[in-house]
Amino acid sequence: MDTFRPALPLIQEKGIKVAVNAGASDTKMLAELVQKTIVDHGLSLKVAWIEGDDVLDVVNKLLGKGERFENICFGGDLKDWGFEPVAAQYVVLSSFAYRCS
């Protein structure tokens, strides 16, 4: 929230859409906190939230179509792992949290 608050006036001015995703946390609660923060700043933005990061069905469909899902760190394909996937998570890397050096 510390990196988000200062940007609120510009977000409203530019008409930027606000969507939150808390991963395995309570996404609805985060959306409510963001909405309260917006109101507390005297702004009027709508907030959407993304719920349900499990994308296993999509991964399985793509595997069925021949997608390899190559491991970019170690090489090899998902099929080489030797296990049946039981979950697949959609991950967003925030520019606030990660930096390439």
PDB file of N, CA and C in Angstrom:
ATOM      1  N   MET A   1       0.813  -1.184   0.000  1.00  0.00           N
ATOM      2  CA  MET A   1       0.000   0.000   0.000  1.00  0.00           C
ATOM      3  C   MET A   1       0.862   1.255   0.000  1.00  0.00           C
ATOM      4  N   ASP A   2       2.053   1.173   0.593  1.00  0.00           N
ATOM      5  CA  ASP A   2       2.912   2.352   0.656  1.00  0.00           C
ATOM      6  C   ASP A   2       3.321   2.847  -0.727  1.00  0.00           C
ATOM      7  N   THR A   3       3.485   1.934  -1.666  1.00  0.00           N
ATOM      8  CA  THR A   3       3.855   2.346  -3.023  1.00  0.00           C
ATOM      9  C   THR A   3       2.635   2.716  -3.851  1.00  0.00           C
ATOM     10  N   PHE A   4       1.468   2.307  -3.401  1.00  0.00           N
ATOM     11  CA  PHE A   4       0.226   2.537  -4.134  1.00  0.00           C
ATOM     12  C   PHE A   4      -0.396   3.892  -3.808  1.00  0.00           C
ATOM     13  N   ARG A   5      -0.397   4.270  -2.534  1.00  0.00           N
ATOM     14  CA  ARG A   5      -1.066   5.513  -2.104  1.00  0.00           C
ATOM     15  C   ARG A   5      -0.624   6.749  -2.878  1.00  0.00           C
ATOM     16  N   PRO A   6       0.677   6.991  -3.024  1.00  0.00           N
ATOM     17  CA  PRO A   6       1.091   8.218  -3.728  1.00  0.00           C
ATOM     18  C   PRO A   6       0.655   8.272  -5.194  1.00  0.00           C
ATOM     19  N   ALA A   7       0.397   7.112  -5.778  1.00  0.00           N
ATOM     20  CA  ALA A   7       0.016   7.067  -7.192  1.00  0.00           C
ATOM     21  C   ALA A   7      -1.473   7.280  -7.421  1.00  0.00           C
ATOM     22  N   LEU A   8      -2.274   7.242  -6.377  1.00  0.00           N
ATOM     23  CA  LEU A   8      -3.733   7.310  -6.534  1.00  0.00           C
ATOM     24  C   LEU A   8      -4.233   8.510  -7.337  1.00  0.00           C
ATOM     25  N   PRO A   9      -3.795   9.741  -7.036  1.00  0.00           N
ATOM     26  CA  PRO A   9      -4.306  10.867  -7.827  1.00  0.00           C
ATOM     27  C   PRO A   9      -3.992  10.743  -9.324  1.00  0.00           C
ATOM     28  N   LEU A  10      -2.801  10.284  -9.652  1.00  0.00           N
ATOM     29  CA  LEU A  10      -2.423  10.118 -11.056  1.00  0.00           C
ATOM     30  C   LEU A  10      -3.214   8.976 -11.703  1.00  0.00           C
ATOM     31  N   ILE A  11      -3.457   7.912 -10.947  1.00  0.00           N
ATOM     32  CA  ILE A  11      -4.258   6.805 -11.466  1.00  0.00           C
ATOM     33  C   ILE A  11      -5.642   7.300 -11.860  1.00  0.00           C
ATOM     34  N   GLN A  12      -6.236   8.124 -10.999  1.00  0.00           N
ATOM     35  CA  GLN A  12      -7.565   8.663 -11.318  1.00  0.00           C
ATOM     36  C   GLN A  12      -7.481   9.632 -12.490  1.00  0.00           C
ATOM     37  N   GLU A  13      -6.491  10.520 -12.463  1.00  0.00           N
ATOM     38  CA  GLU A  13      -6.348  11.522 -13.530  1.00  0.00           C
ATOM     39  C   GLU A  13      -6.188  10.868 -14.898  1.00  0.00           C
ATOM     40  N   LYS A  14      -5.432   9.792 -14.970  1.00  0.00           N
ATOM     41  CA  LYS A  14      -5.156   9.121 -16.245  1.00  0.00           C
ATOM     42  C   LYS A  14      -6.229   8.095 -16.616  1.00  0.00           C
ATOM     43  N   GLY A  15      -7.189   7.852 -15.707  1.00  0.00           N
ATOM     44  CA  GLY A  15      -8.247   6.881 -15.994  1.00  0.00           C
ATOM     45  C   GLY A  15      -7.757   5.448 -16.014  1.00  0.00           C
ATOM     46  N   ILE A  16      -6.736   5.171 -15.222  1.00  0.00           N
ATOM     47  CA  ILE A  16      -6.157   3.826 -15.168  1.00  0.00           C
ATOM     48  C   ILE A  16      -7.086   2.903 -14.389  1.00  0.00           C
ATOM     49  N   LYS A  17      -7.262   1.697 -14.877  1.00  0.00           N
ATOM     50  CA  LYS A  17      -8.097   0.701 -14.210  1.00  0.00           C
ATOM     51  C   LYS A  17      -7.324   0.109 -13.030  1.00  0.00           C
ATOM     52  N   VAL A  18      -8.030  -0.165 -11.937  1.00  0.00           N
ATOM     53  CA  VAL A  18      -7.405  -0.733 -10.745  1.00  0.00           C
ATOM     54  C   VAL A  18      -7.951  -2.135 -10.527  1.00  0.00           C
ATOM     55  N   ALA A  19      -7.059  -3.112 -10.530  1.00  0.00           N
ATOM     56  CA  ALA A  19      -7.419  -4.498 -10.227  1.00  0.00           C
ATOM     57  C   ALA A  19      -6.381  -5.031  -9.256  1.00  0.00           C
ATOM     58  N   VAL A  20      -6.829  -5.757  -8.247  1.00  0.00           N
ATOM     59  CA  VAL A  20      -5.904  -6.301  -7.258  1.00  0.00           C
ATOM     60  C   VAL A  20      -5.945  -7.814  -7.295  1.00  0.00           C
ATOM     61  N   ASN A  21      -4.814  -8.404  -6.953  1.00  0.00           N
ATOM     62  CA  ASN A  21      -4.683  -9.849  -6.872  1.00  0.00           C
ATOM     63  C   ASN A  21      -3.782 -10.139  -5.685  1.00  0.00           C
ATOM     64  N   ALA A  22      -4.319 -10.832  -4.696  1.00  0.00           N
ATOM     65  CA  ALA A  22      -3.554 -11.118  -3.481  1.00  0.00           C
ATOM     66  C   ALA A  22      -3.040 -12.549  -3.454  1.00  0.00           C
ATOM     67  N   GLY A  23      -3.093 -13.230  -4.578  1.00  0.00           N
ATOM     68  CA  GLY A  23      -2.607 -14.596  -4.628  1.00  0.00           C
ATOM     69  C   GLY A  23      -3.378 -15.498  -3.683  1.00  0.00           C
ATOM     70  N   ALA A  24      -2.677 -16.127  -2.765  1.00  0.00           N
ATOM     71  CA  ALA A  24      -3.316 -17.059  -1.828  1.00  0.00           C
ATOM     72  C   ALA A  24      -3.955 -16.342  -0.643  1.00  0.00           C
ATOM     73  N   SER A  25      -3.824 -15.039  -0.576  1.00  0.00           N
ATOM     74  CA  SER A  25      -4.415 -14.274   0.528  1.00  0.00           C
ATOM     75  C   SER A  25      -5.870 -13.940   0.230  1.00  0.00           C
ATOM     76  N   ASP A  26      -6.485 -13.156   1.084  1.00  0.00           N
ATOM     77  CA  ASP A  26      -7.888 -12.772   0.935  1.00  0.00           C
ATOM     78  C   ASP A  26      -7.994 -11.607  -0.052  1.00  0.00           C
ATOM     79  N   THR A  27      -8.224 -11.936  -1.312  1.00  0.00           N
ATOM     80  CA  THR A  27      -8.245 -10.929  -2.371  1.00  0.00           C
ATOM     81  C   THR A  27      -9.381  -9.932  -2.186  1.00  0.00           C
ATOM     82  N   LYS A  28     -10.539 -10.412  -1.763  1.00  0.00           N
ATOM     83  CA  LYS A  28     -11.672  -9.513  -1.552  1.00  0.00           C
ATOM     84  C   LYS A  28     -11.352  -8.507  -0.447  1.00  0.00           C
ATOM     85  N   MET A  29     -10.719  -8.971   0.620  1.00  0.00           N
ATOM     86  CA  MET A  29     -10.357  -8.068   1.713  1.00  0.00           C
ATOM     87  C   MET A  29      -9.371  -7.006   1.227  1.00  0.00           C
ATOM     88  N   LEU A  30      -8.402  -7.403   0.394  1.00  0.00           N
ATOM     89  CA  LEU A  30      -7.448  -6.442  -0.159  1.00  0.00           C
ATOM     90  C   LEU A  30      -8.178  -5.414  -1.016  1.00  0.00           C
ATOM     91  N   ALA A  31      -9.117  -5.869  -1.840  1.00  0.00           N
ATOM     92  CA  ALA A  31      -9.885  -4.945  -2.685  1.00  0.00           C
ATOM     93  C   ALA A  31     -10.659  -3.947  -1.829  1.00  0.00           C
ATOM     94  N   GLU A  32     -11.233  -4.428  -0.730  1.00  0.00           N
ATOM     95  CA  GLU A  32     -11.968  -3.533   0.177  1.00  0.00           C
ATOM     96  C   GLU A  32     -11.033  -2.520   0.826  1.00  0.00           C
ATOM     97  N   LEU A  33      -9.827  -2.957   1.202  1.00  0.00           N
ATOM     98  CA  LEU A  33      -8.838  -2.040   1.780  1.00  0.00           C
ATOM     99  C   LEU A  33      -8.411  -0.986   0.753  1.00  0.00           C
ATOM    100  N   VAL A  34      -8.186  -1.411  -0.482  1.00  0.00           N
ATOM    101  CA  VAL A  34      -7.815  -0.476  -1.547  1.00  0.00           C
ATOM    102  C   VAL A  34      -8.953   0.521  -1.782  1.00  0.00           C
ATOM    103  N   GLN A  35     -10.199   0.037  -1.831  1.00  0.00           N
ATOM    104  CA  GLN A  35     -11.350   0.927  -2.040  1.00  0.00           C
ATOM    105  C   GLN A  35     -11.461   1.946  -0.904  1.00  0.00           C
ATOM    106  N   LYS A  36     -11.264   1.498   0.339  1.00  0.00           N
ATOM    107  CA  LYS A  36     -11.318   2.406   1.488  1.00  0.00           C
ATOM    108  C   LYS A  36     -10.220   3.464   1.384  1.00  0.00           C
ATOM    109  N   THR A  37      -9.027   3.052   0.986  1.00  0.00           N
ATOM    110  CA  THR A  37      -7.915   3.987   0.826  1.00  0.00           C
ATOM    111  C   THR A  37      -8.244   5.028  -0.235  1.00  0.00           C
ATOM    112  N   ILE A  38      -8.865   4.600  -1.329  1.00  0.00           N
ATOM    113  CA  ILE A  38      -9.256   5.517  -2.399  1.00  0.00           C
ATOM    114  C   ILE A  38     -10.259   6.540  -1.869  1.00  0.00           C
ATOM    115  N   VAL A  39     -11.275   6.068  -1.149  1.00  0.00           N
ATOM    116  CA  VAL A  39     -12.292   6.955  -0.579  1.00  0.00           C
ATOM    117  C   VAL A  39     -11.660   7.904   0.437  1.00  0.00           C
ATOM    118  N   ASP A  40     -10.767   7.383   1.280  1.00  0.00           N
ATOM    119  CA  ASP A  40     -10.086   8.211   2.281  1.00  0.00           C
ATOM    120  C   ASP A  40      -9.284   9.340   1.642  1.00  0.00           C
ATOM    121  N   HIS A  41      -8.835   9.132   0.415  1.00  0.00           N
ATOM    122  CA  HIS A  41      -8.089  10.163  -0.322  1.00  0.00           C
ATOM    123  C   HIS A  41      -9.019  11.082  -1.124  1.00  0.00           C
ATOM    124  N   GLY A  42     -10.330  10.889  -0.959  1.00  0.00           N
ATOM    125  CA  GLY A  42     -11.287  11.749  -1.649  1.00  0.00           C
ATOM    126  C   GLY A  42     -11.385  11.487  -3.136  1.00  0.00           C
ATOM    127  N   LEU A  43     -11.015  10.295  -3.551  1.00  0.00           N
ATOM    128  CA  LEU A  43     -11.045   9.951  -4.971  1.00  0.00           C
ATOM    129  C   LEU A  43     -12.202   9.006  -5.248  1.00  0.00           C
ATOM    130  N   SER A  44     -12.525   8.815  -6.508  1.00  0.00           N
ATOM    131  CA  SER A  44     -13.622   7.922  -6.869  1.00  0.00           C
ATOM    132  C   SER A  44     -13.172   6.988  -7.985  1.00  0.00           C
ATOM    133  N   LEU A  45     -12.560   5.912  -7.587  1.00  0.00           N
ATOM    134  CA  LEU A  45     -12.132   4.873  -8.519  1.00  0.00           C
ATOM    135  C   LEU A  45     -12.841   3.580  -8.172  1.00  0.00           C
ATOM    136  N   LYS A  46     -13.166   2.801  -9.166  1.00  0.00           N
ATOM    137  CA  LYS A  46     -13.704   1.464  -8.934  1.00  0.00           C
ATOM    138  C   LYS A  46     -12.536   0.496  -8.813  1.00  0.00           C
ATOM    139  N   VAL A  47     -12.718  -0.522  -8.002  1.00  0.00           N
ATOM    140  CA  VAL A  47     -11.672  -1.519  -7.798  1.00  0.00           C
ATOM    141  C   VAL A  47     -12.219  -2.898  -8.145  1.00  0.00           C
ATOM    142  N   ALA A  48     -11.489  -3.621  -8.962  1.00  0.00           N
ATOM    143  CA  ALA A  48     -11.830  -5.009  -9.278  1.00  0.00           C
ATOM    144  C   ALA A  48     -10.803  -5.905  -8.617  1.00  0.00           C
ATOM    145  N   TRP A  49     -11.188  -7.138  -8.362  1.00  0.00           N
ATOM    146  CA  TRP A  49     -10.205  -8.071  -7.828  1.00  0.00           C
ATOM    147  C   TRP A  49     -10.231  -9.363  -8.626  1.00  0.00           C
ATOM    148  N   ILE A  50      -9.100 -10.026  -8.609  1.00  0.00           N
ATOM    149  CA  ILE A  50      -8.919 -11.276  -9.339  1.00  0.00           C
ATOM    150  C   ILE A  50      -8.900 -12.388  -8.300  1.00  0.00           C
ATOM    151  N   GLU A  51      -9.740 -13.365  -8.512  1.00  0.00           N
ATOM    152  CA  GLU A  51      -9.853 -14.449  -7.551  1.00  0.00           C
ATOM    153  C   GLU A  51      -9.639 -15.764  -8.282  1.00  0.00           C
ATOM    154  N   GLY A  52      -8.900 -16.651  -7.664  1.00  0.00           N
ATOM    155  CA  GLY A  52      -8.703 -17.966  -8.254  1.00  0.00           C
ATOM    156  C   GLY A  52      -7.516 -18.003  -9.197  1.00  0.00           C
ATOM    157  N   ASP A  53      -6.349 -18.244  -8.643  1.00  0.00           N
ATOM    158  CA  ASP A  53      -5.128 -18.259  -9.440  1.00  0.00           C
ATOM    159  C   ASP A  53      -4.805 -19.639 -10.018  1.00  0.00           C
ATOM    160  N   ASP A  54      -5.625 -20.652  -9.720  1.00  0.00           N
ATOM    161  CA  ASP A  54      -5.333 -22.001 -10.193  1.00  0.00           C
ATOM    162  C   ASP A  54      -5.658 -22.096 -11.679  1.00  0.00           C
ATOM    163  N   VAL A  55      -4.649 -22.317 -12.480  1.00  0.00           N
ATOM    164  CA  VAL A  55      -4.819 -22.392 -13.931  1.00  0.00           C
ATOM    165  C   VAL A  55      -4.466 -23.786 -14.462  1.00  0.00           C
ATOM    166  N   LEU A  56      -4.632 -24.805 -13.598  1.00  0.00           N
ATOM    167  CA  LEU A  56      -4.281 -26.169 -13.991  1.00  0.00           C
ATOM    168  C   LEU A  56      -5.045 -26.625 -15.232  1.00  0.00           C
ATOM    169  N   ASP A  57      -6.321 -26.273 -15.334  1.00  0.00           N
ATOM    170  CA  ASP A  57      -7.101 -26.684 -16.505  1.00  0.00           C
ATOM    171  C   ASP A  57      -6.502 -26.124 -17.792  1.00  0.00           C
ATOM    172  N   VAL A  58      -6.021 -24.904 -17.744  1.00  0.00           N
ATOM    173  CA  VAL A  58      -5.395 -24.282 -18.919  1.00  0.00           C
ATOM    174  C   VAL A  58      -4.081 -24.987 -19.245  1.00  0.00           C
ATOM    175  N   VAL A  59      -3.290 -25.276 -18.226  1.00  0.00           N
ATOM    176  CA  VAL A  59      -2.018 -25.979 -18.428  1.00  0.00           C
ATOM    177  C   VAL A  59      -2.271 -27.347 -19.057  1.00  0.00           C
ATOM    178  N   ASN A  60      -3.252 -28.087 -18.534  1.00  0.00           N
ATOM    179  CA  ASN A  60      -3.542 -29.411 -19.083  1.00  0.00           C
ATOM    180  C   ASN A  60      -4.008 -29.340 -20.529  1.00  0.00           C
ATOM    181  N   LYS A  61      -4.819 -28.340 -20.878  1.00  0.00           N
ATOM    182  CA  LYS A  61      -5.264 -28.173 -22.270  1.00  0.00           C
ATOM    183  C   LYS A  61      -4.066 -27.911 -23.181  1.00  0.00           C
ATOM    184  N   LEU A  62      -3.165 -27.037 -22.730  1.00  0.00           N
ATOM    185  CA  LEU A  62      -1.991 -26.716 -23.540  1.00  0.00           C
ATOM    186  C   LEU A  62      -1.055 -27.916 -23.658  1.00  0.00           C
ATOM    187  N   LEU A  63      -0.911 -28.695 -22.585  1.00  0.00           N
ATOM    188  CA  LEU A  63      -0.115 -29.922 -22.667  1.00  0.00           C
ATOM    189  C   LEU A  63      -0.701 -30.868 -23.705  1.00  0.00           C
ATOM    190  N   GLY A  64      -2.027 -30.961 -23.726  1.00  0.00           N
ATOM    191  CA  GLY A  64      -2.718 -31.804 -24.702  1.00  0.00           C
ATOM    192  C   GLY A  64      -2.498 -31.355 -26.136  1.00  0.00           C
ATOM    193  N   LYS A  65      -2.217 -30.073 -26.320  1.00  0.00           N
ATOM    194  CA  LYS A  65      -1.971 -29.525 -27.657  1.00  0.00           C
ATOM    195  C   LYS A  65      -0.484 -29.546 -28.012  1.00  0.00           C
ATOM    196  N   GLY A  66       0.345 -30.100 -27.107  1.00  0.00           N
ATOM    197  CA  GLY A  66       1.768 -30.233 -27.415  1.00  0.00           C
ATOM    198  C   GLY A  66       2.685 -29.185 -26.806  1.00  0.00           C
ATOM    199  N   GLU A  67       2.138 -28.285 -25.991  1.00  0.00           N
ATOM    200  CA  GLU A  67       2.998 -27.285 -25.331  1.00  0.00           C
ATOM    201  C   GLU A  67       4.012 -28.012 -24.454  1.00  0.00           C
ATOM    202  N   ARG A  68       5.256 -27.589 -24.525  1.00  0.00           N
ATOM    203  CA  ARG A  68       6.333 -28.263 -23.791  1.00  0.00           C
ATOM    204  C   ARG A  68       6.501 -27.745 -22.376  1.00  0.00           C
ATOM    205  N   PHE A  69       6.193 -26.479 -22.110  1.00  0.00           N
ATOM    206  CA  PHE A  69       6.448 -25.853 -20.815  1.00  0.00           C
ATOM    207  C   PHE A  69       7.900 -26.114 -20.389  1.00  0.00           C
ATOM    208  N   GLU A  70       8.803 -25.551 -21.188  1.00  0.00           N
ATOM    209  CA  GLU A  70      10.230 -25.716 -20.938  1.00  0.00           C
ATOM    210  C   GLU A  70      10.631 -24.959 -19.675  1.00  0.00           C
ATOM    211  N   ASN A  71      11.430 -25.605 -18.843  1.00  0.00           N
ATOM    212  CA  ASN A  71      11.940 -24.974 -17.631  1.00  0.00           C
ATOM    213  C   ASN A  71      13.053 -24.009 -18.038  1.00  0.00           C
ATOM    214  N   ILE A  72      12.823 -22.701 -17.837  1.00  0.00           N
ATOM    215  CA  ILE A  72      13.789 -21.704 -18.292  1.00  0.00           C
ATOM    216  C   ILE A  72      15.023 -21.621 -17.396  1.00  0.00           C
ATOM    217  N   CYS A  73      14.964 -22.227 -16.228  1.00  0.00           N
ATOM    218  CA  CYS A  73      16.125 -22.202 -15.329  1.00  0.00           C
ATOM    219  C   CYS A  73      17.026 -23.417 -15.527  1.00  0.00           C
ATOM    220  N   PHE A  74      16.434 -24.595 -15.722  1.00  0.00           N
ATOM    221  CA  PHE A  74      17.209 -25.831 -15.742  1.00  0.00           C
ATOM    222  C   PHE A  74      17.103 -26.614 -17.038  1.00  0.00           C
ATOM    223  N   GLY A  75      16.280 -26.156 -17.964  1.00  0.00           N
ATOM    224  CA  GLY A  75      16.072 -26.894 -19.202  1.00  0.00           C
ATOM    225  C   GLY A  75      15.104 -28.049 -18.972  1.00  0.00           C
ATOM    226  N   GLY A  76      14.815 -28.771 -20.011  1.00  0.00           N
ATOM    227  CA  GLY A  76      13.868 -29.875 -19.901  1.00  0.00           C
ATOM    228  C   GLY A  76      12.439 -29.377 -19.984  1.00  0.00           C
ATOM    229  N   ASP A  77      11.536 -30.319 -20.182  1.00  0.00           N
ATOM    230  CA  ASP A  77      10.117 -30.005 -20.314  1.00  0.00           C
ATOM    231  C   ASP A  77       9.364 -30.486 -19.078  1.00  0.00           C
ATOM    232  N   LEU A  78       8.140 -30.025 -18.929  1.00  0.00           N
ATOM    233  CA  LEU A  78       7.316 -30.428 -17.798  1.00  0.00           C
ATOM    234  C   LEU A  78       7.140 -31.942 -17.757  1.00  0.00           C
ATOM    235  N   LYS A  79       7.018 -32.584 -18.924  1.00  0.00           N
ATOM    236  CA  LYS A  79       6.832 -34.033 -18.968  1.00  0.00           C
ATOM    237  C   LYS A  79       8.046 -34.771 -18.384  1.00  0.00           C
ATOM    238  N   ASP A  80       9.224 -34.130 -18.404  1.00  0.00           N
ATOM    239  CA  ASP A  80      10.446 -34.743 -17.873  1.00  0.00           C
ATOM    240  C   ASP A  80      10.496 -34.719 -16.354  1.00  0.00           C
ATOM    241  N   TRP A  81       9.576 -33.985 -15.742  1.00  0.00           N
ATOM    242  CA  TRP A  81       9.556 -33.831 -14.292  1.00  0.00           C
ATOM    243  C   TRP A  81       9.281 -35.158 -13.593  1.00  0.00           C
ATOM    244  N   GLY A  82       8.438 -35.999 -14.204  1.00  0.00           N
ATOM    245  CA  GLY A  82       8.155 -37.307 -13.635  1.00  0.00           C
ATOM    246  C   GLY A  82       6.970 -37.344 -12.688  1.00  0.00           C
ATOM    247  N   PHE A  83       6.277 -36.237 -12.544  1.00  0.00           N
ATOM    248  CA  PHE A  83       5.109 -36.183 -11.675  1.00  0.00           C
ATOM    249  C   PHE A  83       3.924 -35.629 -12.456  1.00  0.00           C
ATOM    250  N   GLU A  84       2.723 -35.966 -12.011  1.00  0.00           N
ATOM    251  CA  GLU A  84       1.505 -35.409 -12.593  1.00  0.00           C
ATOM    252  C   GLU A  84       1.210 -34.085 -11.893  1.00  0.00           C
ATOM    253  N   PRO A  85       1.077 -32.980 -12.625  1.00  0.00           N
ATOM    254  CA  PRO A  85       0.771 -31.701 -11.969  1.00  0.00           C
ATOM    255  C   PRO A  85      -0.582 -31.765 -11.247  1.00  0.00           C
ATOM    256  N   VAL A  86      -0.619 -31.268 -10.017  1.00  0.00           N
ATOM    257  CA  VAL A  86      -1.870 -31.229  -9.258  1.00  0.00           C
ATOM    258  C   VAL A  86      -2.367 -29.803  -9.075  1.00  0.00           C
ATOM    259  N   ALA A  87      -1.525 -28.827  -9.362  1.00  0.00           N
ATOM    260  CA  ALA A  87      -1.909 -27.428  -9.268  1.00  0.00           C
ATOM    261  C   ALA A  87      -0.994 -26.615 -10.161  1.00  0.00           C
ATOM    262  N   ALA A  88      -1.530 -25.530 -10.681  1.00  0.00           N
ATOM    263  CA  ALA A  88      -0.743 -24.581 -11.468  1.00  0.00           C
ATOM    264  C   ALA A  88      -1.213 -23.200 -11.055  1.00  0.00           C
ATOM    265  N   GLN A  89      -0.286 -22.339 -10.741  1.00  0.00           N
ATOM    266  CA  GLN A  89      -0.625 -21.013 -10.250  1.00  0.00           C
ATOM    267  C   GLN A  89      -0.192 -19.954 -11.247  1.00  0.00           C
ATOM    268  N   TYR A  90      -1.061 -18.975 -11.431  1.00  0.00           N
ATOM    269  CA  TYR A  90      -0.734 -17.801 -12.235  1.00  0.00           C
ATOM    270  C   TYR A  90       0.038 -16.845 -11.336  1.00  0.00           C
ATOM    271  N   VAL A  91       1.208 -16.431 -11.763  1.00  0.00           N
ATOM    272  CA  VAL A  91       2.063 -15.589 -10.937  1.00  0.00           C
ATOM    273  C   VAL A  91       2.352 -14.282 -11.655  1.00  0.00           C
ATOM    274  N   VAL A  92       2.204 -13.186 -10.932  1.00  0.00           N
ATOM    275  CA  VAL A  92       2.539 -11.862 -11.451  1.00  0.00           C
ATOM    276  C   VAL A  92       3.718 -11.343 -10.651  1.00  0.00           C
ATOM    277  N   LEU A  93       4.790 -10.994 -11.332  1.00  0.00           N
ATOM    278  CA  LEU A  93       5.951 -10.436 -10.661  1.00  0.00           C
ATOM    279  C   LEU A  93       5.838  -8.921 -10.705  1.00  0.00           C
ATOM    280  N   SER A  94       5.760  -8.320  -9.543  1.00  0.00           N
ATOM    281  CA  SER A  94       5.580  -6.885  -9.462  1.00  0.00           C
ATOM    282  C   SER A  94       6.911  -6.166  -9.673  1.00  0.00           C
ATOM    283  N   SER A  95       6.871  -5.071 -10.407  1.00  0.00           N
ATOM    284  CA  SER A  95       8.088  -4.283 -10.627  1.00  0.00           C
ATOM    285  C   SER A  95       8.544  -3.623  -9.324  1.00  0.00           C
ATOM    286  N   PHE A  96       7.641  -3.514  -8.346  1.00  0.00           N
ATOM    287  CA  PHE A  96       8.042  -2.955  -7.058  1.00  0.00           C
ATOM    288  C   PHE A  96       8.870  -3.954  -6.266  1.00  0.00           C
ATOM    289  N   ALA A  97       8.621  -5.236  -6.478  1.00  0.00           N
ATOM    290  CA  ALA A  97       9.263  -6.255  -5.660  1.00  0.00           C
ATOM    291  C   ALA A  97      10.484  -6.877  -6.327  1.00  0.00           C
ATOM    292  N   TYR A  98      10.578  -6.834  -7.636  1.00  0.00           N
ATOM    293  CA  TYR A  98      11.658  -7.507  -8.340  1.00  0.00           C
ATOM    294  C   TYR A  98      12.374  -6.540  -9.268  1.00  0.00           C
ATOM    295  N   ARG A  99      13.668  -6.727  -9.354  1.00  0.00           N
ATOM    296  CA  ARG A  99      14.471  -5.878 -10.224  1.00  0.00           C
ATOM    297  C   ARG A  99      15.562  -6.744 -10.831  1.00  0.00           C
ATOM    298  N   CYS A 100      15.735  -6.649 -12.108  1.00  0.00           N
ATOM    299  CA  CYS A 100      16.825  -7.376 -12.752  1.00  0.00           C
ATOM    300  C   CYS A 100      18.096  -6.568 -12.644  1.00  0.00           C
ATOM    301  N   SER A 101      19.197  -7.207 -12.291  1.00  0.00           N
ATOM    302  CA  SER A 101      20.454  -6.464 -12.194  1.00  0.00           C
ATOM    303  C   SER A 101      21.387  -6.801 -13.319  1.00  0.00           C
TER     304      SER A 101
END
